[in-house]
Structure formats: structure tokens, C-alpha cells
C-alpha atoms as a PDB file:
ATOM      1  CA  MET A   1     -89.098  90.712  68.857  1.00  0.00           C
ATOM      2  CA  ASP A   2     -86.818  88.250  71.627  1.00  0.00           C
ATOM      3  CA  PRO A   3     -85.726  85.230  70.167  1.00  0.00           C
ATOM      4  CA  ASN A   4     -87.651  83.509  72.443  1.00  0.00           C
ATOM      5  CA  GLN A   5     -90.817  84.924  71.478  1.00  0.00           C
ATOM      6  CA  GLN A   6     -90.047  83.938  67.652  1.00  0.00           C
ATOM      7  CA  SER A   7     -89.884  79.766  68.732  1.00  0.00           C
ATOM      8  CA  GLU A   8     -93.076  80.604  70.823  1.00  0.00           C
ATOM      9  CA  ILE A   9     -94.953  81.368  66.969  1.00  0.00           C
ATOM     10  CA  PRO A  10     -96.632  78.136  65.479  1.00  0.00           C
ATOM     11  CA  LEU A  11     -95.505  77.316  61.787  1.00  0.00           C
ATOM     12  CA  LYS A  12     -97.842  77.997  58.988  1.00  0.00           C
ATOM     13  CA  ARG A  13    -100.007  74.820  57.873  1.00  0.00           C
ATOM     14  CA  PRO A  14     -99.175  73.580  54.341  1.00  0.00           C
ATOM     15  CA  ARG A  15    -101.672  73.621  51.820  1.00  0.00           C
ATOM     16  CA  ARG A  16    -103.739  71.056  51.290  1.00  0.00           C
ATOM     17  CA  SER A  17    -103.942  69.239  47.834  1.00  0.00           C
ATOM     18  CA  ARG A  18    -107.130  69.255  46.065  1.00  0.00           C
ATOM     19  CA  ARG A  19    -107.300  65.471  45.469  1.00  0.00           C
ATOM     20  CA  LYS A  20    -107.739  64.578  48.865  1.00  0.00           C
ATOM     21  CA  ALA A  21    -111.703  64.031  50.071  1.00  0.00           C
ATOM     22  CA  LYS A  22    -113.568  67.382  50.693  1.00  0.00           C
ATOM     23  CA  ILE A  23    -113.792  68.023  54.409  1.00  0.00           C
ATOM     24  CA  ASP A  24    -117.466  68.822  56.138  1.00  0.00           C
ATOM     25  CA  PHE A  25    -116.687  71.949  58.134  1.00  0.00           C
ATOM     26  CA  LYS A  26    -120.007  71.865  59.380  1.00  0.00           C
ATOM     27  CA  ASP A  27    -118.925  69.130  61.748  1.00  0.00           C
ATOM     28  CA  PRO A  28    -118.426  70.250  65.394  1.00  0.00           C
ATOM     29  CA  ASP A  29    -115.683  67.857  65.956  1.00  0.00           C
ATOM     30  CA  PHE A  30    -113.766  69.334  63.464  1.00  0.00           C
ATOM     31  CA  LEU A  31    -110.331  70.092  64.342  1.00  0.00           C
ATOM     32  CA  THR A  32    -109.772  74.077  64.712  1.00  0.00           C
ATOM     33  CA  ASP A  33    -106.292  75.558  63.574  1.00  0.00           C
ATOM     34  CA  GLU A  34    -104.771  75.642  66.603  1.00  0.00           C
ATOM     35  CA  GLU A  35    -105.124  72.082  67.206  1.00  0.00           C
ATOM     36  CA  ASP A  36    -104.326  71.343  63.644  1.00  0.00           C
ATOM     37  CA  ASP A  37    -101.148  73.253  64.158  1.00  0.00           C
ATOM     38  CA  GLU A  38    -100.616  71.355  67.318  1.00  0.00           C
ATOM     39  CA  ALA A  39    -100.689  68.181  65.798  1.00  0.00           C
ATOM     40  CA  TYR A  40     -98.363  69.206  62.408  1.00  0.00           C
ATOM     41  CA  ASP A  41     -94.938  68.423  62.421  1.00  0.00           C
ATOM     42  CA  PRO A  42     -92.736  68.839  60.061  1.00  0.00           C
ATOM     43  CA  ASN A  43     -90.589  65.802  60.293  1.00  0.00           C
ATOM     44  CA  ASN A  44     -93.624  63.437  59.370  1.00  0.00           C
ATOM     45  CA  LYS A  45     -93.771  65.343  55.798  1.00  0.00           C
ATOM     46  CA  MET A  46     -90.182  64.365  55.235  1.00  0.00           C
ATOM     47  CA  GLU A  47     -91.108  61.111  56.567  1.00  0.00           C
ATOM     48  CA  GLU A  48     -93.803  60.691  53.863  1.00  0.00           C
ATOM     49  CA  ILE A  49     -91.416  62.076  51.101  1.00  0.00           C
ATOM     50  CA  THR A  50     -88.860  59.520  51.624  1.00  0.00           C
ATOM     51  CA  GLN A  51     -91.206  57.087  51.543  1.00  0.00           C
ATOM     52  CA  VAL A  52     -92.224  57.983  48.093  1.00  0.00           C
ATOM     53  CA  PHE A  53     -88.531  57.616  46.888  1.00  0.00           C
ATOM     54  CA  GLU A  54     -87.793  54.098  48.856  1.00  0.00           C
ATOM     55  CA  LYS A  55     -91.175  53.018  46.976  1.00  0.00           C
ATOM     56  CA  PRO A  56     -92.032  50.568  49.225  1.00  0.00           C
ATOM     57  CA  LYS A  57     -93.589  47.003  48.187  1.00  0.00           C
ATOM     58  CA  THR A  58     -97.004  47.832  50.495  1.00  0.00           C
ATOM     59  CA  ARG A  59     -99.228  50.372  49.028  1.00  0.00           C
ATOM     60  CA  THR A  60    -100.727  52.744  52.046  1.00  0.00           C
ATOM     61  CA  ARG A  61    -104.465  53.337  52.378  1.00  0.00           C
ATOM     62  CA  ARG A  62    -105.313  56.424  54.521  1.00  0.00           C
ATOM     63  CA  THR A  63    -108.738  56.986  55.415  1.00  0.00           C
ATOM     64  CA  ARG A  64    -109.920  59.885  57.340  1.00  0.00           C
ATOM     65  CA  ASN A  65    -112.757  59.719  59.908  1.00  0.00           C
ATOM     66  CA  SER A  66    -114.470  62.967  61.108  1.00  0.00           C
ATOM     67  CA  THR A  67    -115.077  62.048  64.524  1.00  0.00           C
ATOM     68  CA  GLN A  68    -111.207  60.505  65.522  1.00  0.00           C
ATOM     69  CA  LYS A  69    -108.487  62.807  65.347  1.00  0.00           C
ATOM     70  CA  THR A  70    -106.090  60.309  64.173  1.00  0.00           C
ATOM     71  CA  GLN A  71    -105.826  59.189  60.907  1.00  0.00           C
ATOM     72  CA  ASN A  72    -106.117  55.134  60.377  1.00  0.00           C
ATOM     73  CA  ILE A  73    -103.394  54.003  57.943  1.00  0.00           C
ATOM     74  CA  GLN A  74    -103.726  50.273  56.627  1.00  0.00           C
ATOM     75  CA  LYS A  75    -100.972  48.810  55.039  1.00  0.00           C
ATOM     76  CA  VAL A  76    -102.272  46.635  51.990  1.00  0.00           C
ATOM     77  CA  PRO A  77     -99.788  43.933  50.327  1.00  0.00           C
ATOM     78  CA  LYS A  78     -99.440  43.820  46.683  1.00  0.00           C
ATOM     79  CA  LYS A  79    -100.780  41.476  44.631  1.00  0.00           C
ATOM     80  CA  THR A  80     -98.444  38.667  43.502  1.00  0.00           C
ATOM     81  CA  THR A  81     -98.566  36.677  40.577  1.00  0.00           C
ATOM     82  CA  ASN A  82     -96.712  33.815  40.093  1.00  0.00           C
ATOM     83  CA  THR A  83     -95.892  33.170  37.026  1.00  0.00           C
ATOM     84  CA  THR A  84     -95.114  29.188  35.491  1.00  0.00           C
ATOM     85  CA  ILE A  85     -93.937  28.248  32.275  1.00  0.00           C
ATOM     86  CA  SER A  86     -95.713  25.194  31.146  1.00  0.00           C
ATOM     87  CA  GLY A  87     -94.233  22.671  28.124  1.00  0.00           C
ATOM     88  CA  THR A  88     -96.048  22.143  24.843  1.00  0.00           C
ATOM     89  CA  LYS A  89     -99.196  20.408  25.377  1.00  0.00           C
ATOM     90  CA  LYS A  90    -100.719  18.103  22.511  1.00  0.00           C
ATOM     91  CA  ASN A  91    -103.855  18.687  20.066  1.00  0.00           C
ATOM     92  CA  THR A  92    -106.561  16.557  21.639  1.00  0.00           C
ATOM     93  CA  LYS A  93    -108.826  18.055  19.033  1.00  0.00           C
ATOM     94  CA  ILE A  94    -110.185  15.627  16.581  1.00  0.00           C
ATOM     95  CA  LYS A  95    -108.479  16.580  13.058  1.00  0.00           C
ATOM     96  CA  LYS A  96    -111.283  17.477  10.532  1.00  0.00           C
ATOM     97  CA  GLU A  97    -111.624  14.847   7.854  1.00  0.00           C
ATOM     98  CA  SER A  98    -112.444  16.040   4.251  1.00  0.00           C
ATOM     99  CA  ILE A  99    -116.026  15.375   2.791  1.00  0.00           C
ATOM    100  CA  GLU A 100    -114.762  12.845   0.085  1.00  0.00           C
ATOM    101  CA  HIS A 101    -112.962  10.578   3.155  1.00  0.00           C
ATOM    102  CA  CYS A 102    -116.318  10.436   4.778  1.00  0.00           C
ATOM    103  CA  THR A 103    -118.224   9.562   2.321  1.00  0.00           C
ATOM    104  CA  ILE A 104    -116.304   6.706   1.396  1.00  0.00           C
ATOM    105  CA  ARG A 105    -116.124   5.429   5.037  1.00  0.00           C
ATOM    106  CA  ILE A 106    -119.807   5.741   5.206  1.00  0.00           C
ATOM    107  CA  LEU A 107    -120.519   3.796   1.762  1.00  0.00           C
ATOM    108  CA  ARG A 108    -118.109   0.623   2.933  1.00  0.00           C
ATOM    109  CA  LEU A 109    -119.875   0.483   6.255  1.00  0.00           C
ATOM    110  CA  LEU A 110    -123.285   0.667   4.516  1.00  0.00           C
ATOM    111  CA  GLN A 111    -121.968  -2.084   2.296  1.00  0.00           C
ATOM    112  CA  LYS A 112    -120.392  -4.390   5.255  1.00  0.00           C
ATOM    113  CA  ARG A 113    -123.748  -3.949   6.988  1.00  0.00           C
ATOM    114  CA  GLY A 114    -126.469  -3.499   4.508  1.00  0.00           C
ATOM    115  CA  LYS A 115    -128.870  -1.365   6.991  1.00  0.00           C
ATOM    116  CA  MET A 116    -127.751   0.928   9.716  1.00  0.00           C
ATOM    117  CA  VAL A 117    -129.912   3.697  11.520  1.00  0.00           C
ATOM    118  CA  PHE A 118    -128.226   7.259  11.928  1.00  0.00           C
ATOM    119  CA  LYS A 119    -127.221   6.991  15.369  1.00  0.00           C
ATOM    120  CA  ASP A 120    -125.328   3.955  14.700  1.00  0.00           C
ATOM    121  CA  ILE A 121    -123.505   5.306  11.682  1.00  0.00           C
ATOM    122  CA  PHE A 122    -122.069   8.570  13.306  1.00  0.00           C
ATOM    123  CA  THR A 123    -121.516   6.869  16.565  1.00  0.00           C
ATOM    124  CA  GLU A 124    -119.246   4.149  15.168  1.00  0.00           C
ATOM    125  CA  LEU A 125    -117.627   5.959  12.388  1.00  0.00           C
ATOM    126  CA  GLY A 126    -117.016   8.959  15.046  1.00  0.00           C
ATOM    127  CA  ILE A 127    -117.952  11.528  12.470  1.00  0.00           C
ATOM    128  CA  GLY A 128    -119.496  15.027  13.657  1.00  0.00           C
ATOM    129  CA  TYR A 129    -123.148  14.780  14.012  1.00  0.00           C
ATOM    130  CA  ARG A 130    -123.872  17.513  11.338  1.00  0.00           C
ATOM    131  CA  ARG A 131    -121.532  16.361   8.658  1.00  0.00           C
ATOM    132  CA  ALA A 132    -122.889  12.673   8.515  1.00  0.00           C
ATOM    133  CA  TYR A 133    -126.467  13.937   8.458  1.00  0.00           C
ATOM    134  CA  ASP A 134    -125.481  16.304   5.324  1.00  0.00           C
ATOM    135  CA  ILE A 135    -123.580  13.170   3.787  1.00  0.00           C
ATOM    136  CA  LEU A 136    -126.402  11.044   4.182  1.00  0.00           C
ATOM    137  CA  ASN A 137    -128.588  13.670   2.511  1.00  0.00           C
ATOM    138  CA  VAL A 138    -126.934  13.692  -0.616  1.00  0.00           C
ATOM    139  CA  LEU A 139    -126.691   9.874  -1.029  1.00  0.00           C
ATOM    140  CA  LEU A 140    -130.137   9.643  -0.540  1.00  0.00           C
ATOM    141  CA  THR A 141    -130.563  11.430  -3.779  1.00  0.00           C
ATOM    142  CA  THR A 142    -128.245   8.527  -5.425  1.00  0.00           C
ATOM    143  CA  PRO A 143    -129.583   4.842  -6.912  1.00  0.00           C
ATOM    144  CA  LEU A 144    -127.227   3.507  -3.898  1.00  0.00           C
ATOM    145  CA  VAL A 145    -128.558   4.599  -0.499  1.00  0.00           C
ATOM    146  CA  HIS A 146    -132.427   4.965   0.543  1.00  0.00           C
ATOM    147  CA  LYS A 147    -134.353   5.323   3.329  1.00  0.00           C
ATOM    148  CA  PRO A 148    -137.916   4.188   4.058  1.00  0.00           C
ATOM    149  CA  GLY A 149    -140.588   6.889   5.772  1.00  0.00           C
ATOM    150  CA  LYS A 150    -139.087  10.828   5.648  1.00  0.00           C
ATOM    151  CA  LYS A 151    -135.807  11.869   6.648  1.00  0.00           C
ATOM    152  CA  ARG A 152    -136.122  13.107   9.679  1.00  0.00           C
ATOM    153  CA  GLU A 153    -137.363   9.873  11.144  1.00  0.00           C
ATOM    154  CA  SER A 154    -134.398   8.443  13.454  1.00  0.00           C
ATOM    155  CA  LYS A 155    -135.524   5.198  13.959  1.00  0.00           C
ATOM    156  CA  MET A 156    -135.759   4.362   9.658  1.00  0.00           C
ATOM    157  CA  PRO A 157    -132.777   2.874   8.515  1.00  0.00           C
ATOM    158  CA  TYR A 158    -130.270   3.878   6.012  1.00  0.00           C
ATOM    159  CA  ILE A 159    -130.607   1.044   3.448  1.00  0.00           C
ATOM    160  CA  TYR A 160    -127.761   0.079   0.563  1.00  0.00           C
ATOM    161  CA  LEU A 161    -128.898  -1.111  -2.359  1.00  0.00           C
ATOM    162  CA  ASP A 162    -131.079  -4.342  -1.369  1.00  0.00           C
ATOM    163  CA  GLY A 163    -130.053  -3.957   2.013  1.00  0.00           C
ATOM    164  CA  GLU A 164    -128.155  -6.876   2.220  1.00  0.00           C
ATOM    165  CA  PRO A 165    -124.336  -7.207   2.867  1.00  0.00           C
ATOM    166  CA  LEU A 166    -121.966  -7.149   0.691  1.00  0.00           C
ATOM    167  CA  PRO A 167    -119.615  -9.670   0.656  1.00  0.00           C
ATOM    168  CA  GLU A 168    -116.651  -7.588  -0.669  1.00  0.00           C
ATOM    169  CA  VAL A 169    -116.624  -3.630  -0.509  1.00  0.00           C
ATOM    170  CA  VAL A 170    -116.744  -2.085  -3.622  1.00  0.00           C
ATOM    171  CA  ASP A 171    -114.551   1.495  -4.053  1.00  0.00           C
ATOM    172  CA  VAL A 172    -116.962   4.160  -4.762  1.00  0.00           C
ATOM    173  CA  VAL A 173    -114.574   5.211  -8.244  1.00  0.00           C
ATOM    174  CA  ASN A 174    -115.599   1.993  -9.607  1.00  0.00           C
ATOM    175  CA  ILE A 175    -119.251   2.689  -9.239  1.00  0.00           C
ATOM    176  CA  LEU A 176    -119.573   5.778 -10.498  1.00  0.00           C
ATOM    177  CA  GLU A 177    -117.550   4.404 -14.039  1.00  0.00           C
ATOM    178  CA  GLN A 178    -120.659   2.062 -13.854  1.00  0.00           C
ATOM    179  CA  ILE A 179    -122.973   4.231 -13.607  1.00  0.00           C
ATOM    180  CA  GLU A 180    -121.322   6.672 -16.339  1.00  0.00           C
ATOM    181  CA  TYR A 181    -121.309   3.451 -18.248  1.00  0.00           C
ATOM    182  CA  GLU A 182    -125.005   2.307 -17.558  1.00  0.00           C
ATOM    183  CA  GLU A 183    -126.008   6.082 -18.488  1.00  0.00           C
ATOM    184  CA  SER A 184    -124.535   5.948 -21.645  1.00  0.00           C
ATOM    185  CA  GLN A 185    -126.256   2.888 -22.592  1.00  0.00           C
ATOM    186  CA  ILE A 186    -129.617   3.889 -22.011  1.00  0.00           C
ATOM    187  CA  ASN A 187    -129.195   7.273 -23.951  1.00  0.00           C
ATOM    188  CA  VAL A 188    -128.166   4.726 -26.957  1.00  0.00           C
ATOM    189  CA  LEU A 189    -131.215   2.789 -26.353  1.00  0.00           C
ATOM    190  CA  THR A 190    -133.324   5.601 -25.732  1.00  0.00           C
ATOM    191  CA  ASN A 191    -132.121   7.023 -29.171  1.00  0.00           C
ATOM    192  CA  TYR A 192    -132.383   3.581 -30.813  1.00  0.00           C
ATOM    193  CA  VAL A 193    -136.511   3.067 -29.482  1.00  0.00           C
ATOM    194  CA  ASN A 194    -137.038   6.821 -30.609  1.00  0.00           C
ATOM    195  CA  ARG A 195    -135.863   5.976 -34.568  1.00  0.00           C
ATOM    196  CA  LEU A 196    -137.952   2.845 -33.967  1.00  0.00           C
ATOM    197  CA  GLU A 197    -141.316   4.589 -33.185  1.00  0.00           C
ATOM    198  CA  GLU A 198    -140.159   7.292 -36.161  1.00  0.00           C
ATOM    199  CA  GLU A 199    -139.765   4.480 -38.644  1.00  0.00           C
ATOM    200  CA  LEU A 200    -143.058   2.701 -37.460  1.00  0.00           C
ATOM    201  CA  GLY A 201    -144.918   6.334 -38.022  1.00  0.00           C
ATOM    202  CA  LYS A 202    -145.274   7.509 -34.688  1.00  0.00           C
ATOM    203  CA  ASN A 203    -144.230  11.403 -34.576  1.00  0.00           C
ATOM    204  CA  GLU A 204    -144.233  11.645 -31.146  1.00  0.00           C
ATOM    205  CA  PRO A 205    -141.043  11.288 -29.508  1.00  0.00           C
ATOM    206  CA  CYS A 206    -140.219   8.742 -26.721  1.00  0.00           C
ATOM    207  CA  LYS A 207    -141.124  10.601 -23.512  1.00  0.00           C
ATOM    208  CA  GLU A 208    -140.051   7.403 -21.184  1.00  0.00           C
ATOM    209  CA  THR A 209    -135.950   6.259 -20.395  1.00  0.00           C
ATOM    210  CA  PHE A 210    -136.160   2.938 -21.292  1.00  0.00           C
ATOM    211  CA  THR A 211    -133.618   0.645 -19.415  1.00  0.00           C
ATOM    212  CA  LEU A 212    -132.969  -3.214 -20.127  1.00  0.00           C
ATOM    213  CA  ILE A 213    -135.744  -4.159 -17.553  1.00  0.00           C
ATOM    214  CA  ASP A 214    -138.352  -2.054 -19.488  1.00  0.00           C
ATOM    215  CA  LEU A 215    -137.577  -3.390 -22.586  1.00  0.00           C
ATOM    216  CA  GLU A 216    -137.636  -6.827 -21.641  1.00  0.00           C
ATOM    217  CA  ASN A 217    -141.356  -6.241 -20.517  1.00  0.00           C
ATOM    218  CA  LEU A 218    -142.434  -4.482 -23.595  1.00  0.00           C
ATOM    219  CA  ASP A 219    -145.663  -6.209 -25.060  1.00  0.00           C
ATOM    220  CA  GLU A 220    -145.050  -9.060 -27.484  1.00  0.00           C
ATOM    221  CA  GLU A 221    -146.360  -7.244 -30.662  1.00  0.00           C
ATOM    222  CA  THR A 222    -144.248  -4.815 -29.945  1.00  0.00           C
ATOM    223  CA  THR A 223    -141.211  -6.579 -29.952  1.00  0.00           C
ATOM    224  CA  ARG A 224    -142.459  -8.722 -32.742  1.00  0.00           C
ATOM    225  CA  GLU A 225    -142.528  -5.447 -34.999  1.00  0.00           C
ATOM    226  CA  TYR A 226    -139.214  -4.096 -33.379  1.00  0.00           C
ATOM    227  CA  SER A 227    -137.731  -8.006 -34.471  1.00  0.00           C
ATOM    228  CA  LYS A 228    -138.724  -7.028 -38.018  1.00  0.00           C
ATOM    229  CA  ILE A 229    -137.387  -3.943 -38.332  1.00  0.00           C
ATOM    230  CA  GLU A 230    -134.296  -5.101 -37.087  1.00  0.00           C
ATOM    231  CA  LYS A 231    -133.988  -7.879 -39.281  1.00  0.00           C
ATOM    232  CA  THR A 232    -134.923  -5.110 -42.461  1.00  0.00           C
ATOM    233  CA  ASP A 233    -133.372  -1.972 -42.274  1.00  0.00           C
ATOM    234  CA  ALA A 234    -132.450  -1.426 -38.310  1.00  0.00           C
ATOM    235  CA  LEU A 235    -128.942  -0.907 -37.215  1.00  0.00           C
ATOM    236  CA  ASP A 236    -126.897   0.774 -34.633  1.00  0.00           C
ATOM    237  CA  PRO A 237    -126.732   4.508 -34.585  1.00  0.00           C
ATOM    238  CA  ILE A 238    -122.966   4.008 -34.038  1.00  0.00           C
ATOM    239  CA  VAL A 239    -122.483   1.187 -36.919  1.00  0.00           C
ATOM    240  CA  GLU A 240    -124.612   3.655 -39.463  1.00  0.00           C
ATOM    241  CA  TYR A 241    -122.234   6.702 -38.312  1.00  0.00           C
ATOM    242  CA  HIS A 242    -118.734   4.863 -39.277  1.00  0.00           C
ATOM    243  CA  ARG A 243    -120.357   3.514 -42.119  1.00  0.00           C
ATOM    244  CA  GLU A 244    -121.781   7.137 -43.611  1.00  0.00           C
ATOM    245  CA  ILE A 245    -117.797   7.831 -42.824  1.00  0.00           C
ATOM    246  CA  VAL A 246    -116.679   4.928 -45.055  1.00  0.00           C
ATOM    247  CA  TRP A 247    -118.591   5.923 -47.654  1.00  0.00           C
ATOM    248  CA  ASN A 248    -118.031   9.468 -47.993  1.00  0.00           C
ATOM    249  CA  GLU A 249    -113.987   8.533 -47.740  1.00  0.00           C
ATOM    250  CA  LEU A 250    -114.505   5.901 -51.091  1.00  0.00           C
ATOM    251  CA  PHE A 251    -116.156   8.839 -52.355  1.00  0.00           C
ATOM    252  CA  VAL A 252    -113.475  11.196 -52.385  1.00  0.00           C
ATOM    253  CA  PHE A 253    -111.340   8.386 -53.328  1.00  0.00           C
ATOM    254  CA  LEU A 254    -113.063   7.440 -56.714  1.00  0.00           C
ATOM    255  CA  THR A 255    -113.431  11.173 -57.902  1.00  0.00           C
ATOM    256  CA  LEU A 256    -109.824  11.927 -57.113  1.00  0.00           C
ATOM    257  CA  ILE A 257    -109.276   8.408 -59.699  1.00  0.00           C
ATOM    258  CA  ALA A 258    -111.497  10.102 -62.014  1.00  0.00           C
ATOM    259  CA  ILE A 259    -110.014  13.408 -62.610  1.00  0.00           C
ATOM    260  CA  LEU A 260    -106.518  11.476 -62.662  1.00  0.00           C
ATOM    261  CA  PHE A 261    -107.405   9.606 -65.281  1.00  0.00           C
ATOM    262  CA  ILE A 262    -108.827  12.407 -67.350  1.00  0.00           C
ATOM    263  CA  ILE A 263    -105.836  14.720 -66.654  1.00  0.00           C
ATOM    264  CA  GLY A 264    -103.814  11.453 -68.136  1.00  0.00           C
ATOM    265  CA  PHE A 265    -106.131  10.892 -71.230  1.00  0.00           C
ATOM    266  CA  PHE A 266    -105.763  14.798 -72.003  1.00  0.00           C
ATOM    267  CA  VAL A 267    -102.004  14.920 -71.822  1.00  0.00           C
ATOM    268  CA  VAL A 268    -101.914  11.589 -74.143  1.00  0.00           C
ATOM    269  CA  ALA A 269    -104.123  13.295 -76.553  1.00  0.00           C
ATOM    270  CA  CYS A 270    -101.913  15.852 -76.659  1.00  0.00           C
ATOM    271  CA  LYS A 271     -98.837  14.345 -77.052  1.00  0.00           C
ATOM    272  CA  ASN A 272    -100.576  12.230 -79.986  1.00  0.00           C
ATOM    273  CA  GLN A 273    -101.165  15.591 -81.783  1.00  0.00           C
ATOM    274  CA  SER A 274     -98.207  17.045 -81.385  1.00  0.00           C
ATOM    275  CA  GLU A 275     -96.187  13.640 -82.991  1.00  0.00           C
ATOM    276  CA  SER A 276     -98.700  13.827 -85.928  1.00  0.00           C
ATOM    277  CA  TYR A 277     -98.255  17.599 -86.506  1.00  0.00           C
ATOM    278  CA  LYS A 278     -94.412  17.046 -86.870  1.00  0.00           C
ATOM    279  CA  ASN A 279     -94.534  13.903 -88.880  1.00  0.00           C
ATOM    280  CA  LYS A 280     -96.404  16.015 -91.574  1.00  0.00           C
ATOM    281  CA  LEU A 281     -93.816  18.836 -91.157  1.00  0.00           C
ATOM    282  CA  VAL A 282     -90.569  16.877 -92.028  1.00  0.00           C
ATOM    283  CA  PRO A 283     -92.020  15.693 -95.858  1.00  0.00           C
ATOM    284  CA  ALA A 284     -92.324  19.291 -96.526  1.00  0.00           C
ATOM    285  CA  SER A 285     -88.909  19.914 -95.472  1.00  0.00           C
ATOM    286  CA  ASN A 286     -86.943  17.724 -97.473  1.00  0.00           C
END
């Protein structure tokens, strides 16, 4: 073949990658092999390879339309992310207080006001709604705070003792100590009353817990009977307990003295007997 004829021979079409979109071969407007060979240019292929190695800042989006013989190349700019370093912000969240501190604050407020509605309590103190509700429900079980009506009625106020504001705020620790002291006194009184009833001939134990107010409101006849027993044999149980201890100690002390006296008497008797026996032996030897 002539060298001139070799230049006229069309170059082979490169293989198409499998990742490209599928082409509809039934489309009449699809390029034929001859037209595709004419449109192919190896220089364009080299440009594409150089673009890949250079890594441009823009991405290329290629779309091929079957109705057109050219490719639409659209350059899409990459998204730019502007990173800004911000300084440290202060923590504006409210720090959670302990339950003990919250209860002390609620009791102090009720002592100052005497009566308060639930909404006014948690708005003035700045305590959480749920926490204030739980603390007040616990305080309702104590004799310090009470509420008329049902617990869930928001219009009814929480009342501290008589509902009158106190001139001075009392610490919770002192209140607890006073409650413990009153409970101990009530227990002493109940034991005292039960013992008196047993002495009067009542075998049934005292079921009611007598306080100082209950003892003052007793009938006149019962008070007279109690006063008679008090004058004769009725004593405080604590005094009786100490008296029993003293008597036991005296009994032990007296028994020890008696034992020592017996031992001393026995020793003296032995000495006298030995001396008399020696005196009897002396003239016999002479």
C-alpha cells in the first residue's frame, strides 16, 4: 500500500468504559461508526488525561444527549467551607442545686410568708417545676407543711404550721432536733401511761399515743386516779432503772464485805488454834 493511502485509513475507535451511561442503539439519530470516527480526535484524549493529573479546582459534569452530536460540559464549582474559630463561651445553663439546699430555701420562704401558692414558690426561687413539686409533696408528709383540699389543686396555698409568718427564720437542723426530742418525750409518756393502766387493772395496752395536749384533756376522774398512784408508787421509768442499778451495786458490795469478814474470821481462828497448840507442846519439852 502507498504511504499516502495509509494516512487515509481511519484510526480505531477506543473502547468505551463500562461506567458510562447506556446508549440506546435503536435511536435513529445515534451517530454511525463513520461519523463517530470523524468526530474522534486523539489530541482531545491527551487533554483529558492532563486535566486529571492537574486536578482542577472545578468538577466537570458531562451530559450526552442522543438528539445532539456534541457533549455538554458544565463546570460546577466546588463547595467552599469557611472555617471560623470561635472563642470559648460561658456556660449560661442554670446549675442544678442539691435537694437539701432546695428544701431549705423552700422552708425559709414559707416561714417568711406563711402561705404561698405553688406558682409563686417556684417562680420566686427559680427552682425547676418538677423538683419543687416533688419537694413540696415530701414536705406535706411532715407536720410542718399542710395544704387544704387535694394535692393537685394549684389554687390552694401551701401553709406552714399556722399560716402566720415567723419573725425569725428557723434552721431545719434545729427543727429536726426538736422533733426528735418531742418524739422521745412522747415515747416516755406512752410507756408511763401504759404502766399506770396495768397497775389500775387494765390488761389492754394503751393503743393511743398520748401527747401533752391529750393528757391535759383527760377526764377529772382519771386524773385523780393517776395523781393517787403518783403519790404512792408511781415513778419515772428512767429513775426506776437507775435505782435498780444502785441497789444491785450495793448488794454486790455488801456480799464482798461479808466474804472478806468470813475469811478474816477463819484466819484469826486458825492463828489462835496454832498458838494454843504450841503452848501445849512447850512444857512437855521442858
